[in-house]
PDB file of N, CA and C in Angstrom:
ATOM      1  N   GLU A   1     122.075 167.937  57.770  1.00  0.00           N
ATOM      2  CA  GLU A   1     121.969 166.995  58.809  1.00  0.00           C
ATOM      3  C   GLU A   1     121.078 166.476  59.566  1.00  0.00           C
ATOM      4  N   LYS A   2     120.132 167.407  59.475  1.00  0.00           N
ATOM      5  CA  LYS A   2     118.893 167.567  60.379  1.00  0.00           C
ATOM      6  C   LYS A   2     117.989 166.047  59.970  1.00  0.00           C
ATOM      7  N   LEU A   3     118.262 165.892  58.573  1.00  0.00           N
ATOM      8  CA  LEU A   3     117.130 164.990  57.770  1.00  0.00           C
ATOM      9  C   LEU A   3     118.416 163.847  57.948  1.00  0.00           C
ATOM     10  N   ALA A   4     119.386 163.736  57.950  1.00  0.00           N
ATOM     11  CA  ALA A   4     120.058 162.467  57.758  1.00  0.00           C
ATOM     12  C   ALA A   4     119.815 161.721  59.115  1.00  0.00           C
ATOM     13  N   ASN A   5     119.722 162.665  60.566  1.00  0.00           N
ATOM     14  CA  ASN A   5     119.695 162.020  61.534  1.00  0.00           C
ATOM     15  C   ASN A   5     118.490 161.689  61.750  1.00  0.00           C
ATOM     16  N   LEU A   6     117.774 162.135  61.106  1.00  0.00           N
ATOM     17  CA  LEU A   6     116.166 161.335  61.481  1.00  0.00           C
ATOM     18  C   LEU A   6     116.448 160.076  60.608  1.00  0.00           C
ATOM     19  N   ARG A   7     116.698 160.102  59.460  1.00  0.00           N
ATOM     20  CA  ARG A   7     117.057 158.646  58.717  1.00  0.00           C
ATOM     21  C   ARG A   7     117.678 157.857  59.321  1.00  0.00           C
ATOM     22  N   SER A   8     118.275 157.909  60.584  1.00  0.00           N
ATOM     23  CA  SER A   8     119.007 157.204  61.204  1.00  0.00           C
ATOM     24  C   SER A   8     118.498 157.012  62.528  1.00  0.00           C
ATOM     25  N   PHE A   9     117.519 158.359  62.946  1.00  0.00           N
ATOM     26  CA  PHE A   9     116.436 157.849  64.069  1.00  0.00           C
ATOM     27  C   PHE A   9     116.002 156.542  64.004  1.00  0.00           C
ATOM     28  N   ILE A  10     115.242 156.800  62.172  1.00  0.00           N
ATOM     29  CA  ILE A  10     114.176 155.555  61.724  1.00  0.00           C
ATOM     30  C   ILE A  10     114.242 154.453  61.933  1.00  0.00           C
ATOM     31  N   LEU A  11     115.974 154.649  61.533  1.00  0.00           N
ATOM     32  CA  LEU A  11     116.155 153.109  60.950  1.00  0.00           C
ATOM     33  C   LEU A  11     116.759 152.463  62.457  1.00  0.00           C
ATOM     34  N   TYR A  12     117.325 153.235  63.406  1.00  0.00           N
ATOM     35  CA  TYR A  12     117.031 152.596  64.800  1.00  0.00           C
ATOM     36  C   TYR A  12     115.949 152.062  65.225  1.00  0.00           C
ATOM     37  N   ALA A  13     114.929 153.228  65.466  1.00  0.00           N
ATOM     38  CA  ALA A  13     113.818 152.884  66.244  1.00  0.00           C
ATOM     39  C   ALA A  13     113.232 151.403  65.431  1.00  0.00           C
ATOM     40  N   VAL A  14     113.350 151.464  64.014  1.00  0.00           N
ATOM     41  CA  VAL A  14     112.888 150.343  63.071  1.00  0.00           C
ATOM     42  C   VAL A  14     113.712 149.043  63.822  1.00  0.00           C
ATOM     43  N   ARG A  15     114.775 149.030  63.779  1.00  0.00           N
ATOM     44  CA  ARG A  15     115.488 147.672  64.308  1.00  0.00           C
ATOM     45  C   ARG A  15     115.253 147.473  66.197  1.00  0.00           C
ATOM     46  N   TYR A  16     114.757 149.031  66.647  1.00  0.00           N
ATOM     47  CA  TYR A  16     114.572 148.647  68.118  1.00  0.00           C
ATOM     48  C   TYR A  16     113.400 147.647  68.070  1.00  0.00           C
ATOM     49  N   THR A  17     112.061 147.933  66.919  1.00  0.00           N
ATOM     50  CA  THR A  17     110.754 147.616  67.336  1.00  0.00           C
ATOM     51  C   THR A  17     110.900 146.459  66.649  1.00  0.00           C
ATOM     52  N   ASN A  18     112.435 145.741  65.698  1.00  0.00           N
ATOM     53  CA  ASN A  18     112.107 144.781  64.847  1.00  0.00           C
ATOM     54  C   ASN A  18     111.324 143.838  65.211  1.00  0.00           C
ATOM     55  N   ASN A  19     111.227 143.635  66.848  1.00  0.00           N
ATOM     56  CA  ASN A  19     110.367 142.640  67.530  1.00  0.00           C
ATOM     57  C   ASN A  19     108.662 142.744  67.763  1.00  0.00           C
ATOM     58  N   HIS A  20     108.608 144.009  67.155  1.00  0.00           N
ATOM     59  CA  HIS A  20     107.023 144.132  67.408  1.00  0.00           C
ATOM     60  C   HIS A  20     106.263 144.759  66.108  1.00  0.00           C
ATOM     61  N   ASN A  21     107.302 144.068  64.624  1.00  0.00           N
ATOM     62  CA  ASN A  21     106.683 144.158  63.395  1.00  0.00           C
ATOM     63  C   ASN A  21     104.847 144.096  63.207  1.00  0.00           C
ATOM     64  N   LYS A  22     104.187 142.955  64.394  1.00  0.00           N
ATOM     65  CA  LYS A  22     103.069 143.199  63.724  1.00  0.00           C
ATOM     66  C   LYS A  22     102.464 144.254  64.416  1.00  0.00           C
ATOM     67  N   LEU A  23     102.784 145.156  65.187  1.00  0.00           N
ATOM     68  CA  LEU A  23     102.215 146.467  65.854  1.00  0.00           C
ATOM     69  C   LEU A  23     102.659 147.520  64.726  1.00  0.00           C
ATOM     70  N   ILE A  24     103.917 147.492  63.971  1.00  0.00           N
ATOM     71  CA  ILE A  24     104.350 148.204  63.335  1.00  0.00           C
ATOM     72  C   ILE A  24     104.014 148.265  61.783  1.00  0.00           C
ATOM     73  N   VAL A  25     104.032 147.446  61.119  1.00  0.00           N
ATOM     74  CA  VAL A  25     103.569 147.169  60.240  1.00  0.00           C
ATOM     75  C   VAL A  25     102.303 148.018  59.591  1.00  0.00           C
ATOM     76  N   PRO A  26     101.034 147.555  60.723  1.00  0.00           N
ATOM     77  CA  PRO A  26      99.490 148.013  59.983  1.00  0.00           C
ATOM     78  C   PRO A  26      99.959 149.757  60.186  1.00  0.00           C
ATOM     79  N   LEU A  27     100.778 150.180  61.233  1.00  0.00           N
ATOM     80  CA  LEU A  27     101.272 151.345  61.131  1.00  0.00           C
ATOM     81  C   LEU A  27     101.539 152.202  59.908  1.00  0.00           C
ATOM     82  N   LEU A  28     102.560 151.290  59.083  1.00  0.00           N
ATOM     83  CA  LEU A  28     103.040 151.630  57.937  1.00  0.00           C
ATOM     84  C   LEU A  28     102.236 151.497  56.483  1.00  0.00           C
ATOM     85  N   HIS A  29     100.953 150.411  56.874  1.00  0.00           N
ATOM     86  CA  HIS A  29     100.117 150.580  55.460  1.00  0.00           C
ATOM     87  C   HIS A  29      99.033 150.778  55.482  1.00  0.00           C
TER      88      HIS A  29
END
């Protein structure tokens, strides 16, 4: 359950920061 919650949190964070992809993408790569 914790893992599922973590994934949900990540997905939420990605959507929330979707407007800041320029900042997120460099961190992921």
